[in-house]
Structures are given as C-alpha cells and as structure tokens.
N, C-alpha and C. Protein backbone atom coordinates (compact mmCIF):
# COMPACT_ATOMS: atom_id res chain seq x y z
N MET A 1 0.91 -1.19 0.25
CA MET A 1 0.12 0.03 0.14
C MET A 1 1.18 1.21 -0.33
N PRO A 2 0.82 1.96 -1.03
CA PRO A 2 1.67 3.47 -1.12
C PRO A 2 1.59 4.40 0.17
N HIS A 3 0.25 4.37 0.54
CA HIS A 3 0.17 5.66 1.89
C HIS A 3 0.93 5.12 3.15
N SER A 4 1.66 6.08 3.23
CA SER A 4 1.97 6.26 4.61
C SER A 4 1.06 6.28 5.53
N LEU A 5 1.31 5.74 6.92
CA LEU A 5 0.56 6.11 8.07
C LEU A 5 1.04 7.20 8.52
N LEU A 6 2.25 7.28 8.46
CA LEU A 6 3.27 8.25 9.50
C LEU A 6 2.66 9.47 9.30
N ARG A 7 1.91 10.03 8.46
CA ARG A 7 1.73 10.67 7.88
C ARG A 7 0.69 11.64 8.69
N LEU A 8 0.14 10.69 9.32
CA LEU A 8 -1.07 10.76 10.42
C LEU A 8 -0.78 11.55 11.96
N ALA A 9 1.17 11.10 12.13
CA ALA A 9 1.61 12.27 12.81
C ALA A 9 1.65 13.39 12.82
N ARG A 10 1.47 13.79 11.63
CA ARG A 10 1.88 15.71 11.66
C ARG A 10 1.22 16.30 12.29
N LYS A 11 2.01 17.48 13.06
CA LYS A 11 1.74 18.49 13.96
C LYS A 11 1.05 19.95 13.03
N LEU A 12 0.11 20.34 14.35
CA LEU A 12 -0.32 21.70 13.31
C LEU A 12 0.88 22.90 13.54
N PRO A 13 1.07 23.80 12.56
CA PRO A 13 2.24 24.69 13.13
C PRO A 13 1.93 25.19 14.21
N LEU A 14 2.59 25.84 14.89
CA LEU A 14 2.53 26.54 16.16
C LEU A 14 1.57 27.99 15.79
N ALA A 15 1.76 28.55 14.89
CA ALA A 15 1.05 29.90 14.44
C ALA A 15 -0.22 29.20 14.32
N ILE A 16 -0.86 28.20 13.83
CA ILE A 16 -2.42 28.04 13.97
C ILE A 16 -3.06 27.39 15.17
N VAL A 17 -2.06 26.67 16.17
CA VAL A 17 -2.68 26.48 17.98
C VAL A 17 -2.58 27.77 18.37
N LEU A 18 -1.90 28.53 18.16
CA LEU A 18 -1.88 30.11 19.03
C LEU A 18 -2.97 30.49 18.83
N THR A 19 -3.56 30.58 17.87
CA THR A 19 -4.62 31.53 17.10
C THR A 19 -5.76 31.00 17.49
N VAL A 20 -6.14 29.95 17.65
CA VAL A 20 -7.31 29.12 17.96
C VAL A 20 -7.84 29.95 19.04
N SER A 21 -9.26 30.49 18.64
CA SER A 21 -10.14 31.02 19.74
C SER A 21 -10.57 29.90 20.93
N LEU A 22 -9.93 30.09 22.12
CA LEU A 22 -10.47 29.00 23.16
C LEU A 22 -11.42 30.08 24.24
N ALA A 23 -12.25 30.61 23.49
CA ALA A 23 -13.71 31.39 24.32
C ALA A 23 -14.69 30.11 24.55
N ALA A 24 -15.22 30.57 25.66
CA ALA A 24 -16.51 29.32 25.82
C ALA A 24 -17.36 29.62 24.93
N HIS A 25 -17.32 29.67 23.59
CA HIS A 25 -18.84 29.59 22.93
C HIS A 25 -19.57 28.72 22.86
N ALA A 26 -20.74 29.17 22.77
CA ALA A 26 -21.90 28.06 23.08
C ALA A 26 -21.93 27.22 21.29
N LEU A 27 -21.63 26.42 21.11
CA LEU A 27 -22.00 25.68 19.67
C LEU A 27 -23.48 25.88 19.69
N PRO A 28 -23.58 26.20 18.26
CA PRO A 28 -24.91 26.67 17.24
C PRO A 28 -25.98 25.30 17.58
N GLU A 29 -27.22 25.48 18.42
CA GLU A 29 -27.97 24.73 18.31
C GLU A 29 -29.26 24.96 17.50
N PRO A 30 -30.37 23.87 17.07
CA PRO A 30 -30.10 22.66 17.07
C PRO A 30 -29.05 21.79 15.94
N ALA A 31 -28.37 23.27 14.48
CA ALA A 31 -27.42 22.26 14.26
C ALA A 31 -26.44 21.23 14.88
N THR A 32 -25.68 21.54 15.66
CA THR A 32 -24.74 20.59 16.48
C THR A 32 -25.69 19.38 16.96
N GLN A 33 -26.81 19.40 17.43
CA GLN A 33 -27.45 18.26 17.83
C GLN A 33 -27.94 17.07 16.94
N THR A 34 -28.39 18.12 15.54
CA THR A 34 -28.33 17.10 14.05
C THR A 34 -27.57 16.42 13.68
N ALA A 35 -26.40 17.46 13.63
CA ALA A 35 -25.50 16.61 13.16
C ALA A 35 -24.85 15.62 14.23
N ILE A 36 -24.95 15.62 15.18
CA ILE A 36 -24.31 14.36 15.76
C ILE A 36 -25.60 13.37 15.55
N GLY A 37 -26.62 13.13 15.55
CA GLY A 37 -27.86 12.45 15.84
C GLY A 37 -27.50 11.83 14.45
N GLN A 38 -27.35 12.85 13.14
CA GLN A 38 -26.71 11.76 11.94
C GLN A 38 -25.49 11.28 11.95
N PHE A 39 -24.91 11.74 12.90
CA PHE A 39 -23.69 10.87 12.73
C PHE A 39 -23.81 9.35 14.07
N MET A 40 -24.09 9.61 14.55
CA MET A 40 -24.69 8.10 15.46
C MET A 40 -25.72 7.03 14.48
N ALA A 41 -26.40 7.66 13.65
CA ALA A 41 -27.44 6.60 12.50
C ALA A 41 -26.30 6.47 11.73
N ALA A 42 -25.12 7.36 11.47
CA ALA A 42 -24.01 6.45 10.72
C ALA A 42 -23.28 5.39 11.09
N THR A 43 -23.25 5.32 12.57
CA THR A 43 -22.61 4.60 13.05
C THR A 43 -23.18 3.16 13.30
N GLN A 44 -24.34 3.47 13.51
CA GLN A 44 -25.23 2.12 13.29
C GLN A 44 -25.54 1.56 12.09
N GLY A 45 -24.79 1.76 11.13
CA GLY A 45 -24.74 1.33 9.34
C GLY A 45 -25.75 2.22 8.77
N LYS A 46 -25.84 3.22 8.63
CA LYS A 46 -26.83 4.02 8.14
C LYS A 46 -26.00 4.59 6.97
N SER A 47 -25.71 4.29 5.96
CA SER A 47 -24.57 5.18 5.34
C SER A 47 -24.50 6.26 4.27
N GLU A 48 -26.16 6.40 4.51
CA GLU A 48 -26.63 7.89 3.92
C GLU A 48 -26.38 8.71 4.82
N ALA A 49 -26.33 8.52 6.55
CA ALA A 49 -26.31 9.32 7.51
C ALA A 49 -25.01 9.85 7.32
N THR A 50 -23.97 8.58 6.82
CA THR A 50 -22.54 9.23 7.05
C THR A 50 -22.12 10.49 6.17
N GLU A 51 -22.33 10.65 5.06
CA GLU A 51 -22.02 12.22 4.16
C GLU A 51 -22.79 13.07 4.76
N ALA A 52 -24.16 13.07 5.37
CA ALA A 52 -24.84 14.07 5.90
C ALA A 52 -24.49 14.52 6.90
N SER A 53 -23.59 14.12 7.84
CA SER A 53 -23.50 14.28 9.20
C SER A 53 -21.79 15.04 9.05
N LEU A 54 -21.11 14.86 7.95
CA LEU A 54 -20.09 14.86 7.89
C LEU A 54 -20.25 16.33 7.34
N GLU A 55 -21.11 16.61 5.98
CA GLU A 55 -21.09 18.23 5.78
C GLU A 55 -21.76 19.02 6.67
N GLN A 56 -22.81 18.41 7.71
CA GLN A 56 -23.10 19.03 8.82
C GLN A 56 -21.85 19.76 9.35
N PHE A 57 -21.27 19.05 9.56
CA PHE A 57 -19.90 18.94 11.04
C PHE A 57 -18.97 20.52 10.29
N GLN A 58 -18.59 20.13 9.28
CA GLN A 58 -17.97 21.21 7.94
C GLN A 58 -18.43 22.40 7.93
N ALA A 59 -19.66 22.31 8.14
CA ALA A 59 -20.90 23.71 8.00
C ALA A 59 -20.52 24.58 9.59
N LEU A 60 -20.83 23.59 10.64
CA LEU A 60 -20.27 23.96 11.55
C LEU A 60 -19.01 24.73 11.88
N LEU A 61 -17.73 23.77 11.58
CA LEU A 61 -16.68 24.41 11.13
C LEU A 61 -16.04 25.69 10.98
N LYS A 62 -17.10 25.99 9.95
CA LYS A 62 -16.99 27.26 9.25
C LYS A 62 -17.59 28.61 10.33
N VAL A 63 -18.27 28.06 11.06
CA VAL A 63 -19.02 29.09 12.01
C VAL A 63 -17.83 29.19 13.36
N GLU A 64 -17.43 28.18 13.51
CA GLU A 64 -16.53 27.44 14.61
C GLU A 64 -15.04 27.16 14.42
N PRO A 65 -14.32 27.80 13.61
CA PRO A 65 -13.12 27.34 13.20
C PRO A 65 -12.01 26.81 14.28
N GLY A 66 -11.82 25.56 14.12
CA GLY A 66 -10.91 25.11 14.96
C GLY A 66 -11.21 24.51 16.28
N HIS A 67 -13.01 24.51 16.32
CA HIS A 67 -13.31 23.51 17.86
C HIS A 67 -13.13 22.71 17.47
N PRO A 68 -12.76 21.81 19.04
CA PRO A 68 -11.70 20.17 18.92
C PRO A 68 -12.94 19.16 18.67
N LEU A 69 -14.08 19.75 19.26
CA LEU A 69 -14.89 18.48 19.09
C LEU A 69 -16.11 18.31 17.55
N LEU A 70 -16.01 19.72 17.67
CA LEU A 70 -16.57 19.75 16.04
C LEU A 70 -15.51 18.88 14.93
N MET A 71 -14.44 19.48 15.14
CA MET A 71 -12.92 18.81 14.54
C MET A 71 -13.21 17.19 14.47
N SER A 72 -13.40 16.66 15.81
CA SER A 72 -13.21 15.21 15.94
C SER A 72 -14.10 14.56 15.72
N TYR A 73 -15.69 15.25 15.41
CA TYR A 73 -16.60 14.48 15.21
C TYR A 73 -16.41 14.87 13.17
N ALA A 74 -15.95 15.57 13.06
CA ALA A 74 -15.58 15.71 11.58
C ALA A 74 -15.04 14.38 10.64
N GLY A 75 -13.75 14.53 11.97
CA GLY A 75 -12.91 13.19 11.39
C GLY A 75 -13.50 12.06 11.87
N ALA A 76 -14.33 11.81 12.57
CA ALA A 76 -14.82 10.59 13.08
C ALA A 76 -15.62 10.19 11.85
N ALA A 77 -16.64 10.92 11.22
CA ALA A 77 -17.29 11.09 10.12
C ALA A 77 -16.64 10.05 8.62
N THR A 78 -15.80 10.82 8.65
CA THR A 78 -14.75 11.14 7.21
C THR A 78 -13.97 9.34 7.29
N THR A 79 -13.61 8.62 9.06
CA THR A 79 -13.33 7.42 8.97
C THR A 79 -14.57 6.72 8.54
N LEU A 80 -15.46 7.12 8.83
CA LEU A 80 -16.62 6.08 8.32
C LEU A 80 -17.41 6.13 6.71
N LYS A 81 -16.57 7.19 6.36
CA LYS A 81 -16.58 6.97 4.84
C LYS A 81 -15.63 5.59 4.40
N ALA A 82 -14.60 6.00 5.09
CA ALA A 82 -13.82 4.51 4.50
C ALA A 82 -14.45 3.09 4.97
N ARG A 83 -15.35 2.86 5.77
CA ARG A 83 -16.13 1.70 5.88
C ARG A 83 -17.16 1.61 4.61
N ASP A 84 -17.92 2.84 4.35
CA ASP A 84 -18.48 2.29 3.01
C ASP A 84 -18.09 2.55 1.95
N ALA A 85 -16.96 2.77 1.41
CA ALA A 85 -15.85 3.10 0.03
C ALA A 85 -15.59 1.98 -0.34
N TRP A 86 -15.71 1.45 -1.76
CA TRP A 86 -16.19 0.51 -2.09
C TRP A 86 -14.47 -0.20 -2.12
N ALA A 87 -13.46 0.89 -3.13
CA ALA A 87 -12.09 0.69 -3.71
C ALA A 87 -11.00 0.75 -2.42
N PRO A 88 -10.26 0.02 -2.69
CA PRO A 88 -9.29 0.18 -1.14
C PRO A 88 -8.25 1.32 -0.79
N TRP A 89 -8.54 1.88 -2.22
CA TRP A 89 -7.51 3.31 -2.11
C TRP A 89 -8.25 3.92 -1.36
N LYS A 90 -9.27 4.06 -1.83
CA LYS A 90 -10.57 4.94 -0.99
C LYS A 90 -10.70 4.67 0.48
N LYS A 91 -11.01 3.59 0.79
CA LYS A 91 -11.02 3.45 2.04
C LYS A 91 -9.54 3.49 2.73
N MET A 92 -8.55 3.62 2.60
CA MET A 92 -6.76 4.12 3.38
C MET A 92 -7.16 5.61 3.10
N SER A 93 -7.59 6.02 1.78
CA SER A 93 -7.38 7.36 2.00
C SER A 93 -8.45 7.93 3.31
N TYR A 94 -9.83 7.68 3.11
CA TYR A 94 -10.80 8.32 3.98
C TYR A 94 -10.22 8.07 5.30
N ALA A 95 -9.63 7.20 5.54
CA ALA A 95 -9.27 6.86 7.01
C ALA A 95 -8.15 7.53 7.28
N GLU A 96 -7.23 7.38 6.58
CA GLU A 96 -6.11 8.35 6.93
C GLU A 96 -6.29 10.12 7.03
N ASP A 97 -6.88 10.35 6.63
CA ASP A 97 -7.53 11.56 6.16
C ASP A 97 -8.38 12.34 7.47
N GLY A 98 -9.47 11.14 8.27
CA GLY A 98 -10.14 11.39 9.16
C GLY A 98 -9.38 11.12 10.14
N LEU A 99 -8.50 10.19 10.60
CA LEU A 99 -7.71 10.14 12.20
C LEU A 99 -6.51 11.78 11.62
N ALA A 100 -6.41 12.51 10.51
CA ALA A 100 -5.59 12.95 10.73
C ALA A 100 -6.45 14.44 11.56
N GLN A 101 -7.46 14.25 10.84
CA GLN A 101 -7.99 15.26 11.69
C GLN A 101 -8.68 14.99 12.83
N ILE A 102 -8.75 13.94 13.53
CA ILE A 102 -8.71 13.22 15.14
C ILE A 102 -7.27 14.25 15.66
N ASP A 103 -6.71 13.79 15.17
CA ASP A 103 -5.45 14.06 15.22
C ASP A 103 -4.76 15.61 15.92
N LYS A 104 -5.29 16.44 15.05
CA LYS A 104 -5.30 17.54 15.28
C LYS A 104 -6.37 18.23 16.08
N ALA A 105 -7.26 17.36 16.35
CA ALA A 105 -8.77 17.91 17.76
C ALA A 105 -7.85 17.96 18.84
N LEU A 106 -7.16 16.73 18.88
CA LEU A 106 -6.85 16.55 19.74
C LEU A 106 -5.64 17.12 20.64
N VAL A 107 -4.79 17.56 19.20
CA VAL A 107 -3.40 18.63 19.88
C VAL A 107 -3.88 19.94 20.01
N LEU A 108 -5.28 20.24 19.25
CA LEU A 108 -6.15 21.89 19.85
C LEU A 108 -6.36 21.69 21.07
N LEU A 109 -6.70 20.55 22.25
CA LEU A 109 -7.65 21.26 23.69
C LEU A 109 -6.19 21.60 24.25
N ALA A 110 -6.84 22.36 25.33
CA ALA A 110 -6.34 23.26 25.94
C ALA A 110 -6.92 23.26 27.05
N PRO A 111 -6.51 23.66 28.21
CA PRO A 111 -6.53 24.02 29.47
C PRO A 111 -8.38 25.01 29.61
N ALA A 112 -8.47 25.66 28.97
CA ALA A 112 -10.26 25.87 28.46
C ALA A 112 -11.06 25.24 28.45
N HIS A 113 -10.53 24.25 27.41
CA HIS A 113 -11.66 23.29 26.82
C HIS A 113 -11.90 22.31 27.93
N ASP A 114 -11.13 22.38 29.11
CA ASP A 114 -12.22 21.93 29.81
C ASP A 114 -12.94 22.31 30.91
N GLN A 115 -13.51 23.61 30.85
CA GLN A 115 -14.24 24.72 31.33
C GLN A 115 -15.30 24.80 30.66
N THR A 116 -15.31 24.75 28.78
CA THR A 116 -15.76 24.99 27.97
C THR A 116 -16.92 23.44 28.14
N LEU A 117 -17.92 23.65 28.15
CA LEU A 117 -19.28 23.23 28.10
C LEU A 117 -20.07 22.73 26.92
N TYR A 118 -20.12 21.45 26.67
CA TYR A 118 -21.50 20.83 25.47
C TYR A 118 -22.19 20.08 26.09
N GLN A 119 -23.61 20.71 26.79
CA GLN A 119 -24.74 19.97 27.08
C GLN A 119 -24.13 19.35 28.62
N GLY A 120 -23.29 20.29 29.08
CA GLY A 120 -22.88 19.80 30.57
C GLY A 120 -21.68 19.13 30.64
N THR A 121 -21.18 18.64 29.54
CA THR A 121 -19.75 18.21 29.58
C THR A 121 -18.70 18.22 28.79
N PRO A 122 -17.74 18.85 29.39
CA PRO A 122 -16.60 19.52 29.22
C PRO A 122 -16.44 19.09 27.48
N VAL A 123 -15.86 19.86 26.76
CA VAL A 123 -15.31 19.59 25.56
C VAL A 123 -13.73 19.00 25.58
N SER A 124 -13.03 19.13 26.14
CA SER A 124 -11.78 18.29 26.35
C SER A 124 -12.42 16.97 26.51
N LEU A 125 -13.00 16.16 27.70
CA LEU A 125 -13.62 15.05 27.75
C LEU A 125 -14.49 14.40 26.25
N GLN A 126 -15.05 15.06 26.24
CA GLN A 126 -16.11 14.70 24.67
C GLN A 126 -15.18 14.37 23.48
N THR A 127 -14.14 15.48 23.26
CA THR A 127 -13.35 15.24 22.36
C THR A 127 -12.35 13.97 22.36
N ARG A 128 -11.98 13.83 23.37
CA ARG A 128 -11.53 12.39 23.99
C ARG A 128 -11.83 11.54 23.86
N PHE A 129 -13.82 11.59 23.72
CA PHE A 129 -14.19 10.39 23.64
C PHE A 129 -14.82 9.74 22.71
N VAL A 130 -14.95 11.09 21.31
CA VAL A 130 -14.86 10.25 20.34
C VAL A 130 -13.60 10.43 19.65
N ALA A 131 -12.52 10.86 20.08
CA ALA A 131 -11.57 10.20 19.49
C ALA A 131 -11.45 8.26 20.18
N ALA A 132 -11.26 7.95 21.31
CA ALA A 132 -10.99 6.46 21.51
C ALA A 132 -12.30 5.82 21.08
N ASN A 133 -13.32 6.21 20.82
CA ASN A 133 -14.38 5.68 20.10
C ASN A 133 -13.49 5.10 18.71
N THR A 134 -13.33 6.25 18.11
CA THR A 134 -12.94 6.02 16.46
C THR A 134 -11.76 5.23 16.29
N PHE A 135 -10.97 5.32 17.30
CA PHE A 135 -9.61 4.69 17.69
C PHE A 135 -10.02 2.97 17.58
N LEU A 136 -10.49 3.10 18.36
CA LEU A 136 -11.03 1.32 19.14
C LEU A 136 -11.79 1.00 18.13
N GLY A 137 -12.48 1.16 17.40
CA GLY A 137 -13.40 0.62 16.17
C GLY A 137 -12.52 0.51 14.92
N LEU A 138 -11.49 0.58 14.81
CA LEU A 138 -10.62 1.23 13.76
C LEU A 138 -10.03 -0.77 13.12
N PRO A 139 -9.41 -1.52 12.29
CA PRO A 139 -9.14 -2.80 12.36
C PRO A 139 -7.33 -2.58 12.86
N ASP A 140 -6.72 -3.60 13.29
CA ASP A 140 -5.36 -3.57 14.32
C ASP A 140 -4.68 -2.72 13.28
N MET A 141 -4.72 -3.06 12.09
CA MET A 141 -3.44 -2.54 11.23
C MET A 141 -3.22 -1.47 11.10
N PHE A 142 -4.08 -0.31 11.77
CA PHE A 142 -3.80 1.14 12.09
C PHE A 142 -3.21 1.67 13.48
N ASN A 143 -3.35 0.22 14.21
CA ASN A 143 -2.58 0.38 15.67
C ASN A 143 -2.97 1.65 16.25
N ARG A 144 -4.16 1.88 16.14
CA ARG A 144 -4.85 2.89 16.97
C ARG A 144 -5.23 2.51 18.98
N GLY A 145 -5.35 1.26 18.78
CA GLY A 145 -6.27 0.70 19.60
C GLY A 145 -5.49 0.67 21.26
N PRO A 146 -3.94 0.76 21.53
CA PRO A 146 -3.63 1.51 22.59
C PRO A 146 -3.87 2.65 22.96
N ARG A 147 -3.63 3.62 21.91
CA ARG A 147 -4.13 5.24 22.13
C ARG A 147 -5.26 5.25 22.53
N GLY A 148 -6.39 4.71 21.98
CA GLY A 148 -8.06 4.64 22.25
C GLY A 148 -7.96 4.02 23.72
N ARG A 149 -7.40 3.02 24.21
CA ARG A 149 -7.64 2.76 25.53
C ARG A 149 -7.03 3.54 26.19
N GLN A 150 -6.15 4.35 25.98
CA GLN A 150 -5.02 5.50 27.05
C GLN A 150 -6.43 6.42 27.30
N LEU A 151 -7.13 7.06 25.87
CA LEU A 151 -7.67 8.06 25.90
C LEU A 151 -8.68 7.82 26.71
N LEU A 152 -9.19 6.94 26.76
CA LEU A 152 -10.61 5.93 27.78
C LEU A 152 -10.00 6.12 29.40
N ASP A 153 -8.74 5.86 29.73
CA ASP A 153 -8.41 6.14 30.92
C ASP A 153 -8.21 7.50 31.32
N GLU A 154 -7.64 8.25 30.33
CA GLU A 154 -7.63 9.66 30.60
C GLU A 154 -8.62 10.11 31.15
N ILE A 155 -9.80 10.12 30.47
CA ILE A 155 -11.55 10.34 30.77
C ILE A 155 -11.86 10.29 31.77
N GLN A 156 -11.33 8.69 32.50
CA GLN A 156 -12.13 8.18 33.66
C GLN A 156 -11.27 8.80 35.01
N ALA A 157 -9.83 9.11 34.90
CA ALA A 157 -8.81 9.86 36.01
C ALA A 157 -9.03 11.01 35.91
N SER A 158 -9.97 11.76 35.22
CA SER A 158 -9.85 13.04 35.01
C SER A 158 -11.00 13.60 36.47
N PRO A 159 -10.38 14.51 36.76
CA PRO A 159 -11.33 15.27 38.16
C PRO A 159 -12.79 16.08 37.34
N LEU A 160 -12.58 15.99 36.19
CA LEU A 160 -13.65 16.48 35.57
C LEU A 160 -15.04 15.26 35.42
N PHE A 161 -14.50 14.12 35.21
CA PHE A 161 -15.28 13.18 34.67
C PHE A 161 -17.11 12.71 35.88
N GLY A 162 -16.20 12.69 37.23
CA GLY A 162 -17.64 12.49 37.92
C GLY A 162 -18.21 13.51 38.08
N LYS A 163 -17.96 14.71 37.50
CA LYS A 163 -18.80 16.18 38.01
C LYS A 163 -19.44 15.95 36.34
N SER A 164 -19.61 15.73 35.55
CA SER A 164 -20.05 15.49 34.02
C SER A 164 -21.68 14.68 34.36
N PRO A 165 -22.42 14.99 33.04
CA PRO A 165 -23.58 14.20 33.44
C PRO A 165 -23.66 12.55 33.62
N ALA A 166 -24.45 12.01 34.04
CA ALA A 166 -24.79 10.34 34.17
C ALA A 166 -24.64 10.20 32.86
N GLY A 167 -25.27 10.37 32.35
CA GLY A 167 -25.40 9.88 30.78
C GLY A 167 -23.78 9.54 30.11
N PHE A 168 -23.17 10.82 30.58
CA PHE A 168 -22.18 10.87 29.73
C PHE A 168 -21.00 9.57 30.75
N GLN A 169 -20.84 9.81 31.72
CA GLN A 169 -20.04 9.10 32.52
C GLN A 169 -20.50 7.47 32.36
N GLY A 170 -22.10 7.18 32.54
CA GLY A 170 -22.14 5.74 31.68
C GLY A 170 -22.30 5.48 30.48
N ALA A 171 -21.83 6.14 29.11
CA ALA A 171 -21.46 5.79 27.86
C ALA A 171 -20.05 5.47 27.79
N VAL A 172 -19.50 6.49 28.74
CA VAL A 172 -17.82 6.02 28.65
C VAL A 172 -17.63 4.54 28.89
N LEU A 173 -17.97 4.69 30.70
CA LEU A 173 -17.71 3.55 31.52
C LEU A 173 -18.32 2.16 30.54
N MET A 174 -19.50 2.29 29.59
CA MET A 174 -19.96 1.40 28.84
C MET A 174 -18.81 0.83 27.92
N ARG A 175 -18.37 1.61 27.30
CA ARG A 175 -17.40 1.52 26.66
C ARG A 175 -16.13 0.81 26.62
N ALA A 176 -15.68 1.34 28.15
CA ALA A 176 -14.57 0.50 28.92
C ALA A 176 -15.19 -0.60 29.38
N GLY A 177 -15.80 -0.93 29.44
CA GLY A 177 -16.56 -2.13 29.97
C GLY A 177 -16.55 -2.71 28.88
N ARG A 178 -16.98 -2.96 28.00
CA ARG A 178 -16.75 -3.75 26.32
C ARG A 178 -15.50 -4.30 26.14
N GLN A 179 -14.50 -2.65 25.98
CA GLN A 179 -13.20 -3.22 25.69
C GLN A 179 -12.72 -3.88 26.54
N ALA A 180 -12.74 -3.62 28.16
CA ALA A 180 -12.41 -5.32 28.85
C ALA A 180 -12.74 -6.65 28.35
N LEU A 181 -13.86 -7.04 28.26
CA LEU A 181 -14.18 -7.62 27.93
C LEU A 181 -14.18 -8.26 26.56
N GLN A 182 -13.52 -7.28 25.44
CA GLN A 182 -13.13 -7.85 24.36
C GLN A 182 -11.71 -8.52 24.87
N ALA A 183 -10.70 -7.39 25.51
CA ALA A 183 -9.14 -8.22 25.67
C ALA A 183 -9.19 -9.13 27.43
N LYS A 184 -10.58 -9.57 27.42
CA LYS A 184 -11.04 -10.96 28.52
C LYS A 184 -10.37 -10.30 29.41
N GLN A 185 -10.80 -9.23 30.03
CA GLN A 185 -10.48 -8.76 31.83
C GLN A 185 -11.66 -8.60 32.08
N GLY A 186 -12.26 -10.26 32.99
CA GLY A 186 -13.19 -10.15 32.81
C GLY A 186 -13.53 -9.20 34.37
N ASP A 187 -12.31 -9.11 35.30
CA ASP A 187 -12.64 -8.56 36.43
C ASP A 187 -12.78 -7.02 36.62
N ARG A 188 -12.28 -6.67 35.35
CA ARG A 188 -12.11 -5.43 35.04
C ARG A 188 -13.00 -4.67 34.73
N ALA A 189 -13.97 -5.74 33.45
CA ALA A 189 -15.03 -5.50 32.93
C ALA A 189 -16.27 -5.27 33.81
N LYS A 190 -16.02 -6.45 34.65
CA LYS A 190 -17.42 -6.30 35.83
C LYS A 190 -17.28 -5.16 36.61
N ALA A 191 -15.96 -4.67 37.13
CA ALA A 191 -15.84 -3.49 38.01
C ALA A 191 -16.63 -2.17 37.23
N LEU A 192 -16.48 -2.04 35.66
CA LEU A 192 -16.81 -1.32 35.00
C LEU A 192 -18.30 -0.65 35.54
N PHE A 193 -19.13 -2.12 35.00
CA PHE A 193 -20.13 -2.37 34.63
C PHE A 193 -20.76 -2.20 35.93
N GLN A 194 -20.46 -2.63 36.68
CA GLN A 194 -21.06 -1.92 38.61
C GLN A 194 -21.02 -0.44 38.47
N GLN A 195 -20.13 -0.05 37.98
CA GLN A 195 -19.73 1.44 38.25
C GLN A 195 -21.44 2.07 37.68
N VAL A 196 -21.62 1.73 36.30
CA VAL A 196 -22.39 2.23 35.66
C VAL A 196 -24.21 2.24 36.38
N ILE A 197 -23.98 0.94 37.25
CA ILE A 197 -25.31 0.80 38.19
C ILE A 197 -24.94 1.54 39.69
N GLU A 198 -23.93 1.54 40.39
CA GLU A 198 -24.17 2.46 41.03
C GLU A 198 -23.96 3.72 41.35
N ARG A 199 -23.80 4.58 39.99
CA ARG A 199 -23.53 5.82 39.82
C ARG A 199 -25.18 5.97 39.25
N GLN A 200 -26.01 5.08 39.11
CA GLN A 200 -27.43 5.38 38.60
C GLN A 200 -27.67 5.81 37.35
N CYS A 201 -26.34 5.36 36.65
CA CYS A 201 -26.41 5.90 34.83
C CYS A 201 -27.63 5.57 34.19
N PRO A 202 -27.76 6.33 33.18
CA PRO A 202 -29.26 6.08 32.45
C PRO A 202 -29.02 4.56 31.52
N GLN A 203 -27.69 4.32 31.68
CA GLN A 203 -26.91 3.28 31.30
C GLN A 203 -27.33 1.87 32.06
N ALA A 204 -27.68 2.32 33.42
CA ALA A 204 -27.66 0.74 34.01
C ALA A 204 -28.19 -0.61 33.69
N ALA A 205 -29.66 -0.52 32.96
CA ALA A 205 -30.09 -1.77 32.65
C ALA A 205 -29.01 -2.48 31.86
N GLU A 206 -28.67 -1.74 30.93
CA GLU A 206 -27.61 -2.09 29.58
C GLU A 206 -26.26 -2.79 30.59
N ALA A 207 -25.89 -2.04 31.78
CA ALA A 207 -25.23 -2.62 32.34
C ALA A 207 -25.29 -4.20 32.99
N GLN A 208 -26.16 -4.12 33.58
CA GLN A 208 -26.96 -5.21 34.04
C GLN A 208 -26.87 -6.34 33.48
N ALA A 209 -27.50 -5.98 31.66
CA ALA A 209 -27.06 -7.13 31.17
C ALA A 209 -26.12 -7.49 30.64
N ALA A 210 -24.82 -6.34 30.48
CA ALA A 210 -23.80 -6.95 30.17
C ALA A 210 -23.27 -7.45 31.30
N LEU A 211 -23.45 -7.68 32.36
CA LEU A 211 -22.84 -8.55 33.75
C LEU A 211 -23.02 -9.87 33.15
N LYS A 212 -23.85 -10.15 32.70
CA LYS A 212 -24.00 -11.96 32.52
C LYS A 212 -23.45 -11.95 31.73
N GLU A 213 -22.52 -11.13 30.74
CA GLU A 213 -21.75 -11.39 29.71
C GLU A 213 -20.36 -11.64 29.79
N VAL A 214 -20.05 -11.27 31.32
CA VAL A 214 -19.28 -11.92 32.28
C VAL A 214 -18.58 -12.79 32.98
N HIS A 215 -18.00 -13.28 32.60
CA HIS A 215 -17.31 -15.43 33.38
C HIS A 215 -16.27 -14.87 34.03
C-alpha cells in the first residue's frame, strides 16, 4: 500500500495552535445536535447518514473554526466513509484523512476546553471520547487501539469526569467495559459495569445485562 500512516502524526503549525479561539462559545443549536444525531445513525450502519453528518460538521466548523469537538466528529465521520467506500485506496485515504483530523483536534485541546461545556460535559472529555471510540473501532492494522484505551483511561481519571452528566459517565464506562470484555479482562469489565449501576447512569439496565456476559 503506497500510503504511509506516518503522515497521521503530523503536528499543527504553532501559529495555528496559538491563534485558535479558546473562548467558551456555545455551539450552534439545533444544528450541532442534528449533526451528532446523523453521525450516530451513521455509526449504526446507515451509510446515507455518513455524508450528511460530515457535511453538517464541516458547515459548523466554518462557524466555529478550530473547535476540537466539531473537528473530532468531522474526522470520525470521515473514517466512516472508509467503511462505506468500495475501492481499497479510497478506504485508506478516508481513514487517513479522518484520523489526521482527529489528531489535530486532540492537539488543539487546551485547559480552557476543560471549562467549555457542551450539554453539561467538558469539550475536552467529549473530544477525547469521540477519538477513543473511533480509534477502538478501527482494524488492528492502524495500531490505534492502545491510544484509544489510553484516552478512555484519561477520561475516567479526570477530576471532571465525576462532575459530568450521568449519561456521559455511563457511555464512557460502558465503552471501557466492552473493551475490557473484548480483552478478556473479566474482573475489570465487571467493575466498570458495576460503576454504571452504582452511579445510577441511564445505561444501568444495559450494564446489568452486560454483567451476564462476564465469566
């Protein structure tokens, strides 16, 4: 394959990083939620929603250029186009482009994004979660699994995590639990699912069902 994954590690020029606005701007609603809804539909296999969500996030980025959460979603949507593409070279191109955009979003995160909230959750945590989900969903050939697991650990270790809405906490803990199950780490998976229940997250019933899968 002529494409090199090394280009995914390219860093943003310092000038770009320094000029990004870190103000706590409220993201446009309902456009942002609509784009996220389209993205979630795309993750469930609805390929027609993939292009729609990408176009919507790109439009939002024109309003809020350099916003890490919007950028991470745009990158994630681009990687979904790799899933839907037929030609192998197209698949690789979309995957590389999407990952590069997510990498840029992570580089753009700054302390101010710990204070910037979207629907009650810090932008810094949400951006990392979008990245983690994308990395963990990729084939092993991309070697993004370790970074995805690291991001999940960083989110849970953040002092902001316990202050986030229960729905976000539950989503992170369930994803980490599923990852632990996949890695055959039964005790860890059980502990994570138990946390979902103890924290009374909306995913408590899902966690109860998942506990039955732990051996």
